[in-house]
C-alpha atoms as a PDB file:
ATOM      1  CA  UNK A   1      51.717   7.578   2.915  1.00  0.00           C
ATOM      2  CA  UNK A   2      51.113   5.664   6.122  1.00  0.00           C
ATOM      3  CA  UNK A   3      53.428   2.949   7.301  1.00  0.00           C
ATOM      4  CA  UNK A   4      52.815  -0.640   6.263  1.00  0.00           C
ATOM      5  CA  UNK A   5      50.881  -2.613   8.894  1.00  0.00           C
ATOM      6  CA  UNK A   6      52.483  -5.729  10.312  1.00  0.00           C
ATOM      7  CA  UNK A   7      49.407  -7.841   9.649  1.00  0.00           C
ATOM      8  CA  UNK A   8      46.400  -7.182   7.433  1.00  0.00           C
ATOM      9  CA  UNK A   9      44.318 -10.054   8.823  1.00  0.00           C
ATOM     10  CA  UNK A  10      44.249 -10.964  12.511  1.00  0.00           C
ATOM     11  CA  UNK A  11      43.851 -14.363  14.135  1.00  0.00           C
ATOM     12  CA  UNK A  12      40.045 -14.025  14.007  1.00  0.00           C
ATOM     13  CA  UNK A  13      40.045 -13.584  10.258  1.00  0.00           C
ATOM     14  CA  UNK A  14      39.157  -9.897  10.464  1.00  0.00           C
ATOM     15  CA  UNK A  15      40.799  -7.174   8.428  1.00  0.00           C
ATOM     16  CA  UNK A  16      42.128  -3.826   9.627  1.00  0.00           C
ATOM     17  CA  UNK A  17      38.708  -2.156   9.355  1.00  0.00           C
ATOM     18  CA  UNK A  18      36.921  -5.076  11.039  1.00  0.00           C
ATOM     19  CA  UNK A  19      35.468  -6.640   7.879  1.00  0.00           C
ATOM     20  CA  UNK A  20      35.470 -10.263   6.825  1.00  0.00           C
ATOM     21  CA  UNK A  21      37.633 -11.220   3.863  1.00  0.00           C
ATOM     22  CA  UNK A  22      34.545 -11.453   1.586  1.00  0.00           C
ATOM     23  CA  UNK A  23      32.727  -8.363   2.899  1.00  0.00           C
ATOM     24  CA  UNK A  24      32.433  -5.081   1.019  1.00  0.00           C
ATOM     25  CA  UNK A  25      32.529  -1.624   2.556  1.00  0.00           C
ATOM     26  CA  UNK A  26      29.411   0.339   3.430  1.00  0.00           C
ATOM     27  CA  UNK A  27      27.941   2.219   0.489  1.00  0.00           C
ATOM     28  CA  UNK A  28      25.723   5.319   0.435  1.00  0.00           C
ATOM     29  CA  UNK A  29      24.042   6.465  -2.775  1.00  0.00           C
ATOM     30  CA  UNK A  30      22.216   9.710  -3.529  1.00  0.00           C
ATOM     31  CA  UNK A  31      20.663  10.286  -6.949  1.00  0.00           C
ATOM     32  CA  UNK A  32      19.824  13.540  -8.731  1.00  0.00           C
ATOM     33  CA  UNK A  33      22.159  15.804  -6.773  1.00  0.00           C
ATOM     34  CA  UNK A  34      22.926  18.130  -9.728  1.00  0.00           C
ATOM     35  CA  UNK A  35      19.998  20.057 -11.198  1.00  0.00           C
ATOM     36  CA  UNK A  36      21.779  21.105 -14.400  1.00  0.00           C
ATOM     37  CA  UNK A  37      22.868  17.603 -15.345  1.00  0.00           C
ATOM     38  CA  UNK A  38      20.571  15.158 -17.130  1.00  0.00           C
ATOM     39  CA  UNK A  39      21.561  12.528 -14.571  1.00  0.00           C
ATOM     40  CA  UNK A  40      23.774  12.587 -11.493  1.00  0.00           C
ATOM     41  CA  UNK A  41      24.853  10.467  -8.553  1.00  0.00           C
ATOM     42  CA  UNK A  42      26.835  11.002  -5.387  1.00  0.00           C
ATOM     43  CA  UNK A  43      28.347   7.837  -3.955  1.00  0.00           C
ATOM     44  CA  UNK A  44      30.235   7.150  -0.741  1.00  0.00           C
ATOM     45  CA  UNK A  45      31.975   3.796  -0.557  1.00  0.00           C
ATOM     46  CA  UNK A  46      34.014   3.500   2.568  1.00  0.00           C
ATOM     47  CA  UNK A  47      36.024   6.726   2.570  1.00  0.00           C
ATOM     48  CA  UNK A  48      35.661   7.178  -1.191  1.00  0.00           C
ATOM     49  CA  UNK A  49      33.484  10.100  -2.243  1.00  0.00           C
ATOM     50  CA  UNK A  50      32.554  10.212  -5.921  1.00  0.00           C
ATOM     51  CA  UNK A  51      30.369  12.659  -7.843  1.00  0.00           C
ATOM     52  CA  UNK A  52      29.219  11.735 -11.362  1.00  0.00           C
ATOM     53  CA  UNK A  53      27.278  13.856 -13.863  1.00  0.00           C
ATOM     54  CA  UNK A  54      25.805  12.705 -17.186  1.00  0.00           C
ATOM     55  CA  UNK A  55      24.880  15.022 -20.067  1.00  0.00           C
ATOM     56  CA  UNK A  56      23.094  13.881 -23.175  1.00  0.00           C
ATOM     57  CA  UNK A  57      22.261  12.456 -25.534  1.00  0.00           C
ATOM     58  CA  UNK A  58      23.000  15.779 -27.228  1.00  0.00           C
ATOM     59  CA  UNK A  59      24.365  16.940 -30.552  1.00  0.00           C
ATOM     60  CA  UNK A  60      28.092  16.392 -30.945  1.00  0.00           C
ATOM     61  CA  UNK A  61      30.366  19.214 -32.011  1.00  0.00           C
ATOM     62  CA  UNK A  62      32.513  19.367 -34.049  1.00  0.00           C
ATOM     63  CA  UNK A  63      30.386  17.365 -36.449  1.00  0.00           C
ATOM     64  CA  UNK A  64      33.375  15.588 -37.926  1.00  0.00           C
ATOM     65  CA  UNK A  65      33.448  13.506 -34.724  1.00  0.00           C
ATOM     66  CA  UNK A  66      29.870  12.308 -35.142  1.00  0.00           C
ATOM     67  CA  UNK A  67      29.086   8.668 -35.901  1.00  0.00           C
ATOM     68  CA  UNK A  68      26.442   8.094 -38.538  1.00  0.00           C
ATOM     69  CA  UNK A  69      25.051   4.952 -36.930  1.00  0.00           C
ATOM     70  CA  UNK A  70      25.533   5.429 -33.180  1.00  0.00           C
ATOM     71  CA  UNK A  71      26.206   7.852 -30.370  1.00  0.00           C
ATOM     72  CA  UNK A  72      29.666   8.625 -29.082  1.00  0.00           C
ATOM     73  CA  UNK A  73      30.405   7.930 -25.400  1.00  0.00           C
ATOM     74  CA  UNK A  74      32.897  10.192 -23.656  1.00  0.00           C
ATOM     75  CA  UNK A  75      34.013   9.302 -20.138  1.00  0.00           C
ATOM     76  CA  UNK A  76      36.200  11.609 -18.062  1.00  0.00           C
ATOM     77  CA  UNK A  77      37.699  10.340 -14.819  1.00  0.00           C
ATOM     78  CA  UNK A  78      39.409  12.981 -12.719  1.00  0.00           C
ATOM     79  CA  UNK A  79      40.835  13.111  -9.218  1.00  0.00           C
ATOM     80  CA  UNK A  80      40.584  16.419  -7.415  1.00  0.00           C
ATOM     81  CA  UNK A  81      43.875  17.854  -6.217  1.00  0.00           C
ATOM     82  CA  UNK A  82      42.645  17.635  -2.598  1.00  0.00           C
ATOM     83  CA  UNK A  83      41.303  14.072  -2.890  1.00  0.00           C
ATOM     84  CA  UNK A  84      44.428  12.452  -1.398  1.00  0.00           C
ATOM     85  CA  UNK A  85      46.732  13.240   1.513  1.00  0.00           C
ATOM     86  CA  UNK A  86      49.579  14.408  -0.717  1.00  0.00           C
ATOM     87  CA  UNK A  87      48.211  17.041  -3.062  1.00  0.00           C
ATOM     88  CA  UNK A  88      48.364  15.892  -6.670  1.00  0.00           C
ATOM     89  CA  UNK A  89      48.853  17.991  -9.737  1.00  0.00           C
ATOM     90  CA  UNK A  90      45.476  19.065 -11.172  1.00  0.00           C
ATOM     91  CA  UNK A  91      44.514  18.118 -14.686  1.00  0.00           C
ATOM     92  CA  UNK A  92      44.725  14.891 -16.692  1.00  0.00           C
ATOM     93  CA  UNK A  93      47.479  12.396 -16.038  1.00  0.00           C
ATOM     94  CA  UNK A  94      48.471   9.118 -17.636  1.00  0.00           C
ATOM     95  CA  UNK A  95      46.576   7.247 -14.934  1.00  0.00           C
ATOM     96  CA  UNK A  96      43.364   9.263 -15.309  1.00  0.00           C
ATOM     97  CA  UNK A  97      43.484   8.956 -19.108  1.00  0.00           C
ATOM     98  CA  UNK A  98      43.900   5.176 -18.834  1.00  0.00           C
ATOM     99  CA  UNK A  99      41.038   4.838 -16.321  1.00  0.00           C
ATOM    100  CA  UNK A 100      38.818   7.047 -18.487  1.00  0.00           C
ATOM    101  CA  UNK A 101      39.446   4.778 -21.475  1.00  0.00           C
ATOM    102  CA  UNK A 102      38.755   1.464 -19.744  1.00  0.00           C
ATOM    103  CA  UNK A 103      35.700   2.864 -17.953  1.00  0.00           C
ATOM    104  CA  UNK A 104      34.229   4.093 -21.224  1.00  0.00           C
ATOM    105  CA  UNK A 105      34.772   0.652 -22.733  1.00  0.00           C
ATOM    106  CA  UNK A 106      33.003  -0.886 -19.735  1.00  0.00           C
ATOM    107  CA  UNK A 107      29.784   0.930 -20.716  1.00  0.00           C
ATOM    108  CA  UNK A 108      29.955   0.609 -24.486  1.00  0.00           C
ATOM    109  CA  UNK A 109      28.488  -2.956 -24.564  1.00  0.00           C
ATOM    110  CA  UNK A 110      25.425  -2.008 -22.485  1.00  0.00           C
ATOM    111  CA  UNK A 111      24.456   1.500 -23.674  1.00  0.00           C
ATOM    112  CA  UNK A 112      22.138   1.399 -26.700  1.00  0.00           C
ATOM    113  CA  UNK A 113      24.117   3.919 -28.717  1.00  0.00           C
ATOM    114  CA  UNK A 114      22.413   2.930 -31.991  1.00  0.00           C
ATOM    115  CA  UNK A 115      19.293   4.791 -30.873  1.00  0.00           C
ATOM    116  CA  UNK A 116      21.072   8.160 -31.039  1.00  0.00           C
ATOM    117  CA  UNK A 117      23.157   8.430 -34.223  1.00  0.00           C
ATOM    118  CA  UNK A 118      25.245  11.573 -34.415  1.00  0.00           C
ATOM    119  CA  UNK A 119      24.830  12.318 -30.696  1.00  0.00           C
ATOM    120  CA  UNK A 120      27.189  12.250 -27.737  1.00  0.00           C
ATOM    121  CA  UNK A 121      26.787  11.051 -24.142  1.00  0.00           C
ATOM    122  CA  UNK A 122      29.195  12.695 -21.715  1.00  0.00           C
ATOM    123  CA  UNK A 123      30.030  11.131 -18.348  1.00  0.00           C
ATOM    124  CA  UNK A 124      32.069  13.153 -15.850  1.00  0.00           C
ATOM    125  CA  UNK A 125      33.386  11.294 -12.789  1.00  0.00           C
ATOM    126  CA  UNK A 126      35.007  13.447 -10.122  1.00  0.00           C
ATOM    127  CA  UNK A 127      36.824  11.856  -7.202  1.00  0.00           C
ATOM    128  CA  UNK A 128      36.397  14.192  -4.246  1.00  0.00           C
ATOM    129  CA  UNK A 129      38.066  11.873  -1.726  1.00  0.00           C
ATOM    130  CA  UNK A 130      40.088   8.765  -2.538  1.00  0.00           C
ATOM    131  CA  UNK A 131      40.464   5.639  -0.437  1.00  0.00           C
ATOM    132  CA  UNK A 132      41.339   2.843  -2.911  1.00  0.00           C
ATOM    133  CA  UNK A 133      38.999   1.427  -5.519  1.00  0.00           C
ATOM    134  CA  UNK A 134      38.102   4.814  -7.026  1.00  0.00           C
ATOM    135  CA  UNK A 135      37.739   3.464 -10.576  1.00  0.00           C
ATOM    136  CA  UNK A 136      35.246   0.808  -9.514  1.00  0.00           C
ATOM    137  CA  UNK A 137      33.398   3.293  -7.301  1.00  0.00           C
ATOM    138  CA  UNK A 138      33.178   5.756 -10.213  1.00  0.00           C
ATOM    139  CA  UNK A 139      31.796   3.026 -12.504  1.00  0.00           C
ATOM    140  CA  UNK A 140      29.101   2.154  -9.961  1.00  0.00           C
ATOM    141  CA  UNK A 141      28.120   5.803  -9.611  1.00  0.00           C
ATOM    142  CA  UNK A 142      28.233   6.379 -13.384  1.00  0.00           C
ATOM    143  CA  UNK A 143      25.886   3.440 -13.964  1.00  0.00           C
ATOM    144  CA  UNK A 144      23.308   4.971 -11.638  1.00  0.00           C
ATOM    145  CA  UNK A 145      23.751   8.441 -13.164  1.00  0.00           C
ATOM    146  CA  UNK A 146      23.175   7.031 -16.658  1.00  0.00           C
ATOM    147  CA  UNK A 147      19.974   5.384 -15.470  1.00  0.00           C
ATOM    148  CA  UNK A 148      18.922   8.650 -13.818  1.00  0.00           C
ATOM    149  CA  UNK A 149      19.466  10.442 -17.143  1.00  0.00           C
ATOM    150  CA  UNK A 150      17.164   7.960 -18.870  1.00  0.00           C
ATOM    151  CA  UNK A 151      19.873   6.547 -21.126  1.00  0.00           C
ATOM    152  CA  UNK A 152      18.649   3.210 -22.553  1.00  0.00           C
ATOM    153  CA  UNK A 153      20.890   0.395 -21.307  1.00  0.00           C
ATOM    154  CA  UNK A 154      20.720  -3.361 -21.539  1.00  0.00           C
ATOM    155  CA  UNK A 155      21.809  -3.633 -17.916  1.00  0.00           C
ATOM    156  CA  UNK A 156      23.360  -1.738 -15.068  1.00  0.00           C
ATOM    157  CA  UNK A 157      27.102  -2.140 -14.606  1.00  0.00           C
ATOM    158  CA  UNK A 158      28.573  -3.028 -11.219  1.00  0.00           C
ATOM    159  CA  UNK A 159      32.263  -3.025 -10.367  1.00  0.00           C
ATOM    160  CA  UNK A 160      34.323  -4.417  -7.534  1.00  0.00           C
ATOM    161  CA  UNK A 161      37.943  -5.417  -6.878  1.00  0.00           C
ATOM    162  CA  UNK A 162      39.655  -8.376  -5.251  1.00  0.00           C
ATOM    163  CA  UNK A 163      43.185  -8.204  -3.891  1.00  0.00           C
ATOM    164  CA  UNK A 164      45.728 -10.419  -2.227  1.00  0.00           C
ATOM    165  CA  UNK A 165      47.185  -9.538   1.176  1.00  0.00           C
ATOM    166  CA  UNK A 166      49.060 -11.803   3.579  1.00  0.00           C
ATOM    167  CA  UNK A 167      48.661 -14.575   1.023  1.00  0.00           C
ATOM    168  CA  UNK A 168      44.839 -14.421   1.169  1.00  0.00           C
ATOM    169  CA  UNK A 169      42.275 -13.081  -1.252  1.00  0.00           C
ATOM    170  CA  UNK A 170      40.151 -10.241   0.105  1.00  0.00           C
ATOM    171  CA  UNK A 171      37.169  -8.462  -1.431  1.00  0.00           C
ATOM    172  CA  UNK A 172      36.975  -4.679  -1.883  1.00  0.00           C
ATOM    173  CA  UNK A 173      40.412  -3.403  -0.915  1.00  0.00           C
ATOM    174  CA  UNK A 174      40.866  -0.436   1.383  1.00  0.00           C
ATOM    175  CA  UNK A 175      43.703   2.054   1.096  1.00  0.00           C
ATOM    176  CA  UNK A 176      46.316   0.135   3.090  1.00  0.00           C
ATOM    177  CA  UNK A 177      45.500  -3.154   1.346  1.00  0.00           C
ATOM    178  CA  UNK A 178      45.681  -1.471  -2.048  1.00  0.00           C
ATOM    179  CA  UNK A 179      49.006   0.233  -1.354  1.00  0.00           C
ATOM    180  CA  UNK A 180      50.801  -2.749   0.180  1.00  0.00           C
ATOM    181  CA  UNK A 181      48.895  -5.692  -1.260  1.00  0.00           C
ATOM    182  CA  UNK A 182      50.389  -8.357  -3.521  1.00  0.00           C
ATOM    183  CA  UNK A 183      47.754  -8.140  -6.257  1.00  0.00           C
ATOM    184  CA  UNK A 184      44.740  -6.122  -7.368  1.00  0.00           C
ATOM    185  CA  UNK A 185      41.976  -7.352  -9.706  1.00  0.00           C
ATOM    186  CA  UNK A 186      39.225  -4.794 -10.554  1.00  0.00           C
ATOM    187  CA  UNK A 187      36.253  -6.252 -12.452  1.00  0.00           C
ATOM    188  CA  UNK A 188      33.066  -4.733 -13.892  1.00  0.00           C
ATOM    189  CA  UNK A 189      30.138  -6.845 -15.085  1.00  0.00           C
ATOM    190  CA  UNK A 190      26.460  -6.769 -15.961  1.00  0.00           C
ATOM    191  CA  UNK A 191      23.659  -8.476 -14.042  1.00  0.00           C
ATOM    192  CA  UNK A 192      23.954 -11.442 -16.436  1.00  0.00           C
ATOM    193  CA  UNK A 193      27.588 -11.982 -15.485  1.00  0.00           C
ATOM    194  CA  UNK A 194      29.039 -10.494 -18.682  1.00  0.00           C
ATOM    195  CA  UNK A 195      32.429  -8.977 -17.851  1.00  0.00           C
ATOM    196  CA  UNK A 196      32.949  -5.529 -19.364  1.00  0.00           C
ATOM    197  CA  UNK A 197      36.145  -4.598 -17.503  1.00  0.00           C
ATOM    198  CA  UNK A 198      38.972  -6.748 -16.144  1.00  0.00           C
ATOM    199  CA  UNK A 199      42.398  -5.502 -15.120  1.00  0.00           C
ATOM    200  CA  UNK A 200      45.075  -7.017 -12.922  1.00  0.00           C
ATOM    201  CA  UNK A 201      48.068  -5.620 -11.142  1.00  0.00           C
ATOM    202  CA  UNK A 202      50.340  -8.141  -9.417  1.00  0.00           C
ATOM    203  CA  UNK A 203      50.571 -11.917  -9.542  1.00  0.00           C
ATOM    204  CA  UNK A 204      47.885 -14.540  -9.018  1.00  0.00           C
ATOM    205  CA  UNK A 205      47.988 -18.265  -9.668  1.00  0.00           C
ATOM    206  CA  UNK A 206      45.311 -19.741 -11.995  1.00  0.00           C
ATOM    207  CA  UNK A 207      43.451 -21.155  -9.009  1.00  0.00           C
ATOM    208  CA  UNK A 208      43.611 -17.821  -7.181  1.00  0.00           C
ATOM    209  CA  UNK A 209      42.438 -16.040 -10.318  1.00  0.00           C
ATOM    210  CA  UNK A 210      39.361 -18.280 -10.581  1.00  0.00           C
ATOM    211  CA  UNK A 211      38.517 -17.796  -6.918  1.00  0.00           C
ATOM    212  CA  UNK A 212      39.061 -14.045  -7.252  1.00  0.00           C
ATOM    213  CA  UNK A 213      36.577 -13.932 -10.151  1.00  0.00           C
ATOM    214  CA  UNK A 214      33.972 -15.758  -8.094  1.00  0.00           C
ATOM    215  CA  UNK A 215      34.478 -13.317  -5.227  1.00  0.00           C
ATOM    216  CA  UNK A 216      34.137 -10.397  -7.643  1.00  0.00           C
ATOM    217  CA  UNK A 217      30.881 -11.834  -8.987  1.00  0.00           C
ATOM    218  CA  UNK A 218      29.456 -12.052  -5.491  1.00  0.00           C
ATOM    219  CA  UNK A 219      30.562  -8.520  -4.677  1.00  0.00           C
ATOM    220  CA  UNK A 220      29.110  -7.153  -7.913  1.00  0.00           C
ATOM    221  CA  UNK A 221      25.848  -8.951  -7.204  1.00  0.00           C
ATOM    222  CA  UNK A 222      25.571  -7.213  -3.823  1.00  0.00           C
ATOM    223  CA  UNK A 223      26.391  -3.843  -5.380  1.00  0.00           C
ATOM    224  CA  UNK A 224      23.834  -4.434  -8.131  1.00  0.00           C
ATOM    225  CA  UNK A 225      21.128  -4.891  -5.510  1.00  0.00           C
ATOM    226  CA  UNK A 226      22.176  -1.628  -3.835  1.00  0.00           C
ATOM    227  CA  UNK A 227      22.022   0.194  -7.171  1.00  0.00           C
ATOM    228  CA  UNK A 228      18.562  -1.142  -7.979  1.00  0.00           C
ATOM    229  CA  UNK A 229      17.277  -0.322  -4.503  1.00  0.00           C
ATOM    230  CA  UNK A 230      18.600   3.246  -4.767  1.00  0.00           C
ATOM    231  CA  UNK A 231      16.903   3.720  -8.141  1.00  0.00           C
ATOM    232  CA  UNK A 232      13.632   2.252  -6.895  1.00  0.00           C
ATOM    233  CA  UNK A 233      13.634   4.577  -3.901  1.00  0.00           C
ATOM    234  CA  UNK A 234      14.447   7.589  -6.039  1.00  0.00           C
ATOM    235  CA  UNK A 235      11.668   7.065  -8.546  1.00  0.00           C
ATOM    236  CA  UNK A 236       9.235   5.990  -5.835  1.00  0.00           C
ATOM    237  CA  UNK A 237       9.838   9.292  -4.032  1.00  0.00           C
ATOM    238  CA  UNK A 238       9.126  11.172  -7.274  1.00  0.00           C
ATOM    239  CA  UNK A 239       5.660   9.554  -7.452  1.00  0.00           C
ATOM    240  CA  UNK A 240       4.588   9.586  -3.804  1.00  0.00           C
ATOM    241  CA  UNK A 241       0.829  10.039  -3.315  1.00  0.00           C
ATOM    242  CA  UNK A 242      -0.238  13.493  -2.129  1.00  0.00           C
ATOM    243  CA  UNK A 243      -1.665  13.600   1.382  1.00  0.00           C
ATOM    244  CA  UNK A 244      -5.016  15.417   1.342  1.00  0.00           C
ATOM    245  CA  UNK A 245      -6.248  17.129   4.566  1.00  0.00           C
ATOM    246  CA  UNK A 246      -9.344  15.705   6.230  1.00  0.00           C
ATOM    247  CA  UNK A 247     -11.354  18.895   5.540  1.00  0.00           C
ATOM    248  CA  UNK A 248     -10.774  18.540   1.799  1.00  0.00           C
ATOM    249  CA  UNK A 249     -11.603  14.831   1.946  1.00  0.00           C
ATOM    250  CA  UNK A 250     -14.946  15.601   3.601  1.00  0.00           C
ATOM    251  CA  UNK A 251     -15.683  18.247   0.958  1.00  0.00           C
ATOM    252  CA  UNK A 252     -14.887  15.775  -1.786  1.00  0.00           C
ATOM    253  CA  UNK A 253     -17.192  13.201  -0.178  1.00  0.00           C
ATOM    254  CA  UNK A 254     -20.070  15.717  -0.086  1.00  0.00           C
ATOM    255  CA  UNK A 255     -19.455  16.650  -3.708  1.00  0.00           C
ATOM    256  CA  UNK A 256     -19.468  13.003  -4.686  1.00  0.00           C
ATOM    257  CA  UNK A 257     -22.790  12.463  -2.868  1.00  0.00           C
ATOM    258  CA  UNK A 258     -24.356  15.425  -4.657  1.00  0.00           C
ATOM    259  CA  UNK A 259     -23.078  14.134  -7.954  1.00  0.00           C
ATOM    260  CA  UNK A 260     -24.731  10.764  -7.307  1.00  0.00           C
ATOM    261  CA  UNK A 261     -28.056  12.500  -6.549  1.00  0.00           C
ATOM    262  CA  UNK A 262     -27.845  14.537  -9.748  1.00  0.00           C
ATOM    263  CA  UNK A 263     -27.091  11.422 -11.740  1.00  0.00           C
ATOM    264  CA  UNK A 264     -30.128   9.659 -10.225  1.00  0.00           C
ATOM    265  CA  UNK A 265     -32.406  12.614 -11.060  1.00  0.00           C
ATOM    266  CA  UNK A 266     -31.088  12.754 -14.573  1.00  0.00           C
ATOM    267  CA  UNK A 267     -31.839   9.073 -14.906  1.00  0.00           C
ATOM    268  CA  UNK A 268     -35.479   9.638 -13.791  1.00  0.00           C
ATOM    269  CA  UNK A 269     -35.944  12.413 -16.346  1.00  0.00           C
ATOM    270  CA  UNK A 270     -34.681  10.193 -19.111  1.00  0.00           C
ATOM    271  CA  UNK A 271     -37.185   7.519 -18.159  1.00  0.00           C
ATOM    272  CA  UNK A 272     -40.094  10.027 -18.199  1.00  0.00           C
ATOM    273  CA  UNK A 273     -39.066  11.381 -21.611  1.00  0.00           C
ATOM    274  CA  UNK A 274     -39.038   7.880 -23.051  1.00  0.00           C
ATOM    275  CA  UNK A 275     -42.678   7.206 -21.979  1.00  0.00           C
ATOM    276  CA  UNK A 276     -45.193   9.571 -23.553  1.00  0.00           C
ATOM    277  CA  UNK A 277     -48.141   8.061 -21.650  1.00  0.00           C
ATOM    278  CA  UNK A 278     -46.678   8.889 -18.249  1.00  0.00           C
ATOM    279  CA  UNK A 279     -46.028  12.438 -19.362  1.00  0.00           C
ATOM    280  CA  UNK A 280     -49.637  12.828 -20.488  1.00  0.00           C
ATOM    281  CA  UNK A 281     -50.945  11.615 -17.135  1.00  0.00           C
ATOM    282  CA  UNK A 282     -48.717  13.942 -15.116  1.00  0.00           C
ATOM    283  CA  UNK A 283     -49.340  17.065 -17.256  1.00  0.00           C
ATOM    284  CA  UNK A 284     -52.603  16.902 -19.290  1.00  0.00           C
ATOM    285  CA  UNK A 285     -52.171  20.458 -20.603  1.00  0.00           C
ATOM    286  CA  UNK A 286     -49.279  19.308 -22.739  1.00  0.00           C
ATOM    287  CA  UNK A 287     -51.275  16.430 -24.214  1.00  0.00           C
ATOM    288  CA  UNK A 288     -51.437  17.768 -27.731  1.00  0.00           C
ATOM    289  CA  UNK A 289     -47.759  18.715 -27.719  1.00  0.00           C
ATOM    290  CA  UNK A 290     -46.742  15.334 -26.454  1.00  0.00           C
ATOM    291  CA  UNK A 291     -48.901  13.573 -28.998  1.00  0.00           C
ATOM    292  CA  UNK A 292     -47.456  15.618 -31.810  1.00  0.00           C
ATOM    293  CA  UNK A 293     -43.921  14.952 -30.681  1.00  0.00           C
ATOM    294  CA  UNK A 294     -44.172  11.301 -29.817  1.00  0.00           C
ATOM    295  CA  UNK A 295     -47.350  10.037 -31.495  1.00  0.00           C
ATOM    296  CA  UNK A 296     -47.443   7.888 -34.589  1.00  0.00           C
ATOM    297  CA  UNK A 297     -48.702   9.349 -37.862  1.00  0.00           C
ATOM    298  CA  UNK A 298     -50.673   6.192 -38.581  1.00  0.00           C
ATOM    299  CA  UNK A 299     -52.844   6.785 -35.487  1.00  0.00           C
ATOM    300  CA  UNK A 300     -54.038  10.109 -36.856  1.00  0.00           C
ATOM    301  CA  UNK A 301     -54.888   8.487 -40.176  1.00  0.00           C
ATOM    302  CA  UNK A 302     -57.015   5.849 -38.395  1.00  0.00           C
ATOM    303  CA  UNK A 303     -59.072   8.348 -36.354  1.00  0.00           C
ATOM    304  CA  UNK A 304     -62.867   8.518 -36.985  1.00  0.00           C
ATOM    305  CA  UNK A 305     -64.352  11.692 -38.506  1.00  0.00           C
ATOM    306  CA  UNK A 306     -66.395  12.554 -35.408  1.00  0.00           C
ATOM    307  CA  UNK A 307     -63.236  12.797 -33.345  1.00  0.00           C
ATOM    308  CA  UNK A 308     -61.741  15.363 -35.670  1.00  0.00           C
ATOM    309  CA  UNK A 309     -61.047  18.788 -34.278  1.00  0.00           C
ATOM    310  CA  UNK A 310     -62.959  21.942 -35.186  1.00  0.00           C
ATOM    311  CA  UNK A 311     -60.029  23.000 -37.301  1.00  0.00           C
ATOM    312  CA  UNK A 312     -60.536  19.962 -39.481  1.00  0.00           C
ATOM    313  CA  UNK A 313     -64.226  20.953 -40.050  1.00  0.00           C
ATOM    314  CA  UNK A 314     -63.248  24.410 -41.107  1.00  0.00           C
ATOM    315  CA  UNK A 315     -60.731  22.993 -43.529  1.00  0.00           C
ATOM    316  CA  UNK A 316     -63.429  20.721 -45.048  1.00  0.00           C
ATOM    317  CA  UNK A 317     -65.835  23.665 -45.512  1.00  0.00           C
ATOM    318  CA  UNK A 318     -63.163  25.665 -47.151  1.00  0.00           C
ATOM    319  CA  UNK A 319     -62.425  22.806 -49.492  1.00  0.00           C
ATOM    320  CA  UNK A 320     -66.181  22.509 -50.402  1.00  0.00           C
ATOM    321  CA  UNK A 321     -66.305  26.223 -51.062  1.00  0.00           C
ATOM    322  CA  UNK A 322     -63.415  25.966 -53.394  1.00  0.00           C
ATOM    323  CA  UNK A 323     -65.093  23.055 -55.151  1.00  0.00           C
ATOM    324  CA  UNK A 324     -68.349  25.030 -55.616  1.00  0.00           C
ATOM    325  CA  UNK A 325     -66.543  27.999 -57.034  1.00  0.00           C
ATOM    326  CA  UNK A 326     -64.588  25.895 -59.446  1.00  0.00           C
ATOM    327  CA  UNK A 327     -67.756  24.092 -60.533  1.00  0.00           C
ATOM    328  CA  UNK A 328     -66.393  20.732 -59.562  1.00  0.00           C
ATOM    329  CA  UNK A 329     -68.965  19.695 -56.904  1.00  0.00           C
ATOM    330  CA  UNK A 330     -70.145  16.118 -56.442  1.00  0.00           C
ATOM    331  CA  UNK A 331     -73.536  14.588 -57.266  1.00  0.00           C
ATOM    332  CA  UNK A 332     -75.263  15.969 -54.199  1.00  0.00           C
ATOM    333  CA  UNK A 333     -73.983  19.421 -54.964  1.00  0.00           C
ATOM    334  CA  UNK A 334     -75.306  19.131 -58.528  1.00  0.00           C
ATOM    335  CA  UNK A 335     -78.805  18.217 -57.163  1.00  0.00           C
ATOM    336  CA  UNK A 336     -78.843  21.238 -54.948  1.00  0.00           C
ATOM    337  CA  UNK A 337     -77.842  23.427 -57.865  1.00  0.00           C
ATOM    338  CA  UNK A 338     -80.622  22.029 -60.115  1.00  0.00           C
ATOM    339  CA  UNK A 339     -83.266  22.626 -57.446  1.00  0.00           C
ATOM    340  CA  UNK A 340     -82.112  26.173 -57.138  1.00  0.00           C
ATOM    341  CA  UNK A 341     -82.443  26.755 -60.892  1.00  0.00           C
ATOM    342  CA  UNK A 342     -85.946  25.275 -60.989  1.00  0.00           C
ATOM    343  CA  UNK A 343     -87.092  27.561 -58.197  1.00  0.00           C
ATOM    344  CA  UNK A 344     -85.789  30.566 -60.084  1.00  0.00           C
ATOM    345  CA  UNK A 345     -87.676  29.472 -63.241  1.00  0.00           C
ATOM    346  CA  UNK A 346     -90.965  29.192 -61.343  1.00  0.00           C
END
């Protein structure tokens, strides 16, 4: 552990790392870094380096742990043995178990667990490098990873801490301020200002506590904007328009022109088919076919006998022949028959 600095804030109001008392550290966010996880996020906040993976919703085993009306949230916070200067013992500790519990409770009010009864949502937060504020950094990364996994949430969760050094409240403590500060107040909240996590280590007066909460709200608001911007950029990159080469564009334009010409020709053909008169004028040889297809039956009934075709005459002769054979001829036919009989008698 490094030696305690003589002063944490200089005469210009700047802290050891050059920040103002109400300024947060630089944050870098990368989403979707693990292909096997349903959602993942890598976050750098100052010298903190956090990797979070989310799995689920998936079936929970053993089944005796399942909830009939909601999903179970499991949150595992772990610090790598090489994450700090003095190597720590690997595996769970009292501190990591406590941070895992409070972090899980920070997400329970916002995750819509009722949509996945009997399922489990696992969140794994690994601290690769620690530089104070690892629990709040892990919560910020976990919120993004949950959104990347498509877990329905009422809101993102943002977390930040306020501490007291040299008798002044400062936002987002660094390692030296966290180790030698007089108080530490980590807070997590939603975009509506609902607090889902609040812890305090040290002593603050009621007035200092109120001011610390206001500073935390401002810090969480800034972090919330960074989270939203990172998510917007991630999903915008997934749906970027494809750049088409100019040669293909020209080919597509030619194809579109040809398609327009074909559509116009098809439209002309439809108009010709609808008008039987125009078809007759253009192709007289198909006159009878066109009339049969498009003509009205009443027109044929109204035609005069002299305009009948030769086929009609043949049909009439055949009908008269049938009538003569059957002996059912009309009056004229009977006269002709009588004259024939008289001639035979003479």
